[in-house]
Amino acid sequence: MTRPTTGMLHHVEIWVPDLDRAVASFGWLLEGLGWTVFQRWSGGRSWRLGTAYLVLEQSPALTADQHDRCRPGLNHLAFHVQGRDAVAELVVEAAQHGWTLMFPDRHPHAGGEQSYAAYLENADGFEVELVAVEPERSDFGMGGGS
């Protein structure tokens, strides 16, 4: 593992209304992307990749029971995926794990003709973007998004 440097992401914590449902959808995806289970406790789980980790927690301090990605706060998480074929495979499997393909009429170019990505939403309204990284591209698919 590479030692973290200033500015690198340490962790992201997402509060979820239903931990079991979140683990079923996010756990499958994160592990498919190479993350490994890091921590487990009664109200949460975390996965690690490199020096960063992602936490899902069903906190008793929640003030709402539904996530709205269009309100201030987290809109989506975006992950690099090695190649278009890998993105396509994840999209096919995603429905079995509680994810729905967003913008199907524009998939896989919903972010623009220059990008190849899948936008998925789970039952709790959380969105992930899976961005294909091609060896010949150097911009890493950076840019806006939906």
C-alpha atoms as a PDB file:
ATOM      1  CA  MET A   1       0.000   0.000   0.000  1.00  0.00           C
ATOM      2  CA  THR A   2       1.306   3.446  -0.918  1.00  0.00           C
ATOM      3  CA  ARG A   3       1.646   5.910   1.933  1.00  0.00           C
ATOM      4  CA  PRO A   4      -1.073   8.597   1.666  1.00  0.00           C
ATOM      5  CA  THR A   5      -0.100  12.129   0.761  1.00  0.00           C
ATOM      6  CA  THR A   6      -1.721  15.419   1.621  1.00  0.00           C
ATOM      7  CA  GLY A   7      -5.010  15.855  -0.190  1.00  0.00           C
ATOM      8  CA  MET A   8      -5.713  12.199  -0.906  1.00  0.00           C
ATOM      9  CA  LEU A   9      -9.159  11.013   0.057  1.00  0.00           C
ATOM     10  CA  HIS A  10      -9.149   9.291   3.463  1.00  0.00           C
ATOM     11  CA  HIS A  11     -12.720   7.999   3.562  1.00  0.00           C
ATOM     12  CA  VAL A  12     -16.303   8.690   2.562  1.00  0.00           C
ATOM     13  CA  GLU A  13     -19.144   7.909   4.950  1.00  0.00           C
ATOM     14  CA  ILE A  14     -22.647   7.454   3.579  1.00  0.00           C
ATOM     15  CA  TRP A  15     -25.630   7.235   5.876  1.00  0.00           C
ATOM     16  CA  VAL A  16     -28.221   4.807   4.568  1.00  0.00           C
ATOM     17  CA  PRO A  17     -31.831   4.114   5.611  1.00  0.00           C
ATOM     18  CA  ASP A  18     -31.443   0.321   5.403  1.00  0.00           C
ATOM     19  CA  LEU A  19     -28.014  -1.212   6.006  1.00  0.00           C
ATOM     20  CA  ASP A  20     -28.840  -4.679   4.655  1.00  0.00           C
ATOM     21  CA  ARG A  21     -30.189  -3.249   1.395  1.00  0.00           C
ATOM     22  CA  ALA A  22     -27.181  -0.925   1.056  1.00  0.00           C
ATOM     23  CA  VAL A  23     -24.707  -3.740   1.723  1.00  0.00           C
ATOM     24  CA  ALA A  24     -26.430  -5.905  -0.903  1.00  0.00           C
ATOM     25  CA  SER A  25     -26.082  -3.246  -3.606  1.00  0.00           C
ATOM     26  CA  PHE A  26     -22.883  -1.408  -2.678  1.00  0.00           C
ATOM     27  CA  GLY A  27     -21.035  -4.456  -1.325  1.00  0.00           C
ATOM     28  CA  TRP A  28     -21.383  -6.362  -4.581  1.00  0.00           C
ATOM     29  CA  LEU A  29     -20.265  -3.367  -6.606  1.00  0.00           C
ATOM     30  CA  LEU A  30     -17.334  -2.378  -4.421  1.00  0.00           C
ATOM     31  CA  GLU A  31     -16.000  -5.922  -4.239  1.00  0.00           C
ATOM     32  CA  GLY A  32     -16.397  -6.237  -8.014  1.00  0.00           C
ATOM     33  CA  LEU A  33     -14.258  -3.116  -8.368  1.00  0.00           C
ATOM     34  CA  GLY A  34     -11.497  -4.530  -6.162  1.00  0.00           C
ATOM     35  CA  TRP A  35     -12.427  -3.092  -2.759  1.00  0.00           C
ATOM     36  CA  THR A  36     -12.198  -5.429   0.236  1.00  0.00           C
ATOM     37  CA  VAL A  37     -14.272  -5.562   3.394  1.00  0.00           C
ATOM     38  CA  PHE A  38     -12.510  -3.464   6.009  1.00  0.00           C
ATOM     39  CA  GLN A  39     -14.782  -3.102   9.051  1.00  0.00           C
ATOM     40  CA  ARG A  40     -18.081  -4.569  10.285  1.00  0.00           C
ATOM     41  CA  TRP A  41     -20.248  -3.448  13.197  1.00  0.00           C
ATOM     42  CA  SER A  42     -23.943  -3.675  13.994  1.00  0.00           C
ATOM     43  CA  GLY A  43     -24.804  -0.383  12.299  1.00  0.00           C
ATOM     44  CA  GLY A  44     -22.303  -0.316   9.467  1.00  0.00           C
ATOM     45  CA  ARG A  45     -19.783  -1.770   7.075  1.00  0.00           C
ATOM     46  CA  SER A  46     -16.744  -0.407   5.285  1.00  0.00           C
ATOM     47  CA  TRP A  47     -14.629  -1.407   2.295  1.00  0.00           C
ATOM     48  CA  ARG A  48     -11.061  -0.369   1.549  1.00  0.00           C
ATOM     49  CA  LEU A  49      -9.099   0.206  -1.644  1.00  0.00           C
ATOM     50  CA  GLY A  50      -5.555   1.450  -1.223  1.00  0.00           C
ATOM     51  CA  THR A  51      -5.479   3.968   1.588  1.00  0.00           C
ATOM     52  CA  ALA A  52      -9.112   5.099   1.205  1.00  0.00           C
ATOM     53  CA  TYR A  53     -12.218   3.456   2.559  1.00  0.00           C
ATOM     54  CA  LEU A  54     -15.953   3.827   2.076  1.00  0.00           C
ATOM     55  CA  VAL A  55     -18.400   3.496   4.973  1.00  0.00           C
ATOM     56  CA  LEU A  56     -22.087   2.638   4.865  1.00  0.00           C
ATOM     57  CA  GLU A  57     -23.823   3.352   8.146  1.00  0.00           C
ATOM     58  CA  GLN A  58     -27.408   3.135   9.327  1.00  0.00           C
ATOM     59  CA  SER A  59     -27.140   5.782  12.010  1.00  0.00           C
ATOM     60  CA  PRO A  60     -29.797   6.278  14.680  1.00  0.00           C
ATOM     61  CA  ALA A  61     -29.243  10.021  14.129  1.00  0.00           C
ATOM     62  CA  LEU A  62     -30.730   9.957  10.594  1.00  0.00           C
ATOM     63  CA  THR A  63     -33.242  12.773  10.097  1.00  0.00           C
ATOM     64  CA  ALA A  64     -34.822  11.379   6.915  1.00  0.00           C
ATOM     65  CA  ASP A  65     -35.484   7.934   5.499  1.00  0.00           C
ATOM     66  CA  GLN A  66     -34.660   8.636   1.855  1.00  0.00           C
ATOM     67  CA  HIS A  67     -31.643   9.988  -0.043  1.00  0.00           C
ATOM     68  CA  ASP A  68     -32.260  12.684  -2.647  1.00  0.00           C
ATOM     69  CA  ARG A  69     -29.247  13.140  -4.906  1.00  0.00           C
ATOM     70  CA  CYS A  70     -30.698  16.399  -6.248  1.00  0.00           C
ATOM     71  CA  ARG A  71     -30.591  18.128  -2.863  1.00  0.00           C
ATOM     72  CA  PRO A  72     -27.432  19.711  -1.491  1.00  0.00           C
ATOM     73  CA  GLY A  73     -24.953  17.017  -0.521  1.00  0.00           C
ATOM     74  CA  LEU A  74     -23.733  13.916  -2.286  1.00  0.00           C
ATOM     75  CA  ASN A  75     -24.925  13.618  -5.879  1.00  0.00           C
ATOM     76  CA  HIS A  76     -23.000  10.492  -6.848  1.00  0.00           C
ATOM     77  CA  LEU A  77     -19.805   8.493  -6.519  1.00  0.00           C
ATOM     78  CA  ALA A  78     -17.780   7.856  -9.683  1.00  0.00           C
ATOM     79  CA  PHE A  79     -15.407   4.918 -10.074  1.00  0.00           C
ATOM     80  CA  HIS A  80     -12.786   4.112 -12.690  1.00  0.00           C
ATOM     81  CA  VAL A  81     -13.388   0.773 -14.437  1.00  0.00           C
ATOM     82  CA  GLN A  82     -10.738  -0.851 -16.616  1.00  0.00           C
ATOM     83  CA  GLY A  83     -12.272  -0.832 -20.071  1.00  0.00           C
ATOM     84  CA  ARG A  84     -15.629  -0.731 -21.791  1.00  0.00           C
ATOM     85  CA  ASP A  85     -16.165  -4.485 -21.584  1.00  0.00           C
ATOM     86  CA  ALA A  86     -15.867  -4.379 -17.787  1.00  0.00           C
ATOM     87  CA  VAL A  87     -18.394  -1.532 -17.600  1.00  0.00           C
ATOM     88  CA  ALA A  88     -20.789  -3.504 -19.800  1.00  0.00           C
ATOM     89  CA  GLU A  89     -20.429  -6.618 -17.628  1.00  0.00           C
ATOM     90  CA  LEU A  90     -21.125  -4.650 -14.454  1.00  0.00           C
ATOM     91  CA  VAL A  91     -24.244  -3.109 -16.016  1.00  0.00           C
ATOM     92  CA  VAL A  92     -25.597  -6.560 -16.878  1.00  0.00           C
ATOM     93  CA  GLU A  93     -25.013  -7.854 -13.342  1.00  0.00           C
ATOM     94  CA  ALA A  94     -26.168  -4.665 -11.594  1.00  0.00           C
ATOM     95  CA  ALA A  95     -29.895  -5.385 -11.882  1.00  0.00           C
ATOM     96  CA  GLN A  96     -29.424  -8.562  -9.818  1.00  0.00           C
ATOM     97  CA  HIS A  97     -28.023  -6.439  -6.992  1.00  0.00           C
ATOM     98  CA  GLY A  98     -30.605  -3.674  -6.730  1.00  0.00           C
ATOM     99  CA  TRP A  99     -29.254  -1.228  -9.323  1.00  0.00           C
ATOM    100  CA  THR A 100     -31.162   0.341 -12.222  1.00  0.00           C
ATOM    101  CA  LEU A 101     -29.497   1.812 -15.294  1.00  0.00           C
ATOM    102  CA  MET A 102     -30.162   5.546 -15.502  1.00  0.00           C
ATOM    103  CA  PHE A 103     -30.524   7.332 -18.839  1.00  0.00           C
ATOM    104  CA  PRO A 104     -30.856   4.054 -20.799  1.00  0.00           C
ATOM    105  CA  ASP A 105     -31.698   5.944 -23.998  1.00  0.00           C
ATOM    106  CA  ARG A 106     -28.280   7.652 -23.872  1.00  0.00           C
ATOM    107  CA  HIS A 107     -26.215   4.799 -22.405  1.00  0.00           C
ATOM    108  CA  PRO A 108     -23.176   4.493 -22.534  1.00  0.00           C
ATOM    109  CA  HIS A 109     -22.709   8.125 -23.604  1.00  0.00           C
ATOM    110  CA  ALA A 110     -25.031   9.880 -21.143  1.00  0.00           C
ATOM    111  CA  GLY A 111     -22.067  12.004 -20.054  1.00  0.00           C
ATOM    112  CA  GLY A 112     -21.360  13.011 -23.654  1.00  0.00           C
ATOM    113  CA  GLU A 113     -20.065  11.338 -26.788  1.00  0.00           C
ATOM    114  CA  GLN A 114     -16.472  11.564 -25.530  1.00  0.00           C
ATOM    115  CA  SER A 115     -17.201   9.443 -22.449  1.00  0.00           C
ATOM    116  CA  TYR A 116     -18.126   5.812 -21.953  1.00  0.00           C
ATOM    117  CA  ALA A 117     -19.833   5.338 -18.616  1.00  0.00           C
ATOM    118  CA  ALA A 118     -22.773   3.728 -16.874  1.00  0.00           C
ATOM    119  CA  TYR A 119     -24.930   5.627 -14.429  1.00  0.00           C
ATOM    120  CA  LEU A 120     -26.655   3.352 -11.923  1.00  0.00           C
ATOM    121  CA  GLU A 121     -29.134   4.089  -9.144  1.00  0.00           C
ATOM    122  CA  ASN A 122     -29.996   1.770  -6.268  1.00  0.00           C
ATOM    123  CA  ALA A 123     -33.317   1.335  -4.471  1.00  0.00           C
ATOM    124  CA  ASP A 124     -32.423   4.064  -1.964  1.00  0.00           C
ATOM    125  CA  GLY A 125     -31.683   6.649  -4.660  1.00  0.00           C
ATOM    126  CA  PHE A 126     -27.885   6.565  -4.472  1.00  0.00           C
ATOM    127  CA  GLU A 127     -26.133   6.977  -7.805  1.00  0.00           C
ATOM    128  CA  VAL A 128     -22.812   5.598  -8.965  1.00  0.00           C
ATOM    129  CA  GLU A 129     -21.020   6.328 -12.202  1.00  0.00           C
ATOM    130  CA  LEU A 130     -18.779   3.659 -13.701  1.00  0.00           C
ATOM    131  CA  VAL A 131     -16.301   5.347 -16.036  1.00  0.00           C
ATOM    132  CA  ALA A 132     -14.395   3.233 -18.556  1.00  0.00           C
ATOM    133  CA  VAL A 133     -10.675   3.909 -18.537  1.00  0.00           C
ATOM    134  CA  GLU A 134      -9.085   3.066 -21.848  1.00  0.00           C
ATOM    135  CA  PRO A 135      -5.301   2.649 -22.128  1.00  0.00           C
ATOM    136  CA  GLU A 136      -4.998   5.206 -24.932  1.00  0.00           C
ATOM    137  CA  ARG A 137      -6.883   7.946 -23.047  1.00  0.00           C
ATOM    138  CA  SER A 138      -5.100  10.245 -20.651  1.00  0.00           C
ATOM    139  CA  ASP A 139      -7.984  12.378 -19.323  1.00  0.00           C
ATOM    140  CA  PHE A 140      -9.364   9.543 -17.154  1.00  0.00           C
ATOM    141  CA  GLY A 141     -12.898  10.417 -18.255  1.00  0.00           C
ATOM    142  CA  MET A 142     -12.939  13.477 -16.025  1.00  0.00           C
ATOM    143  CA  GLY A 143     -15.678  15.944 -16.351  1.00  0.00           C
ATOM    144  CA  GLY A 144     -19.130  16.729 -15.178  1.00  0.00           C
ATOM    145  CA  GLY A 145     -21.816  14.204 -15.140  1.00  0.00           C
ATOM    146  CA  SER A 146     -25.430  13.888 -14.309  1.00  0.00           C
END
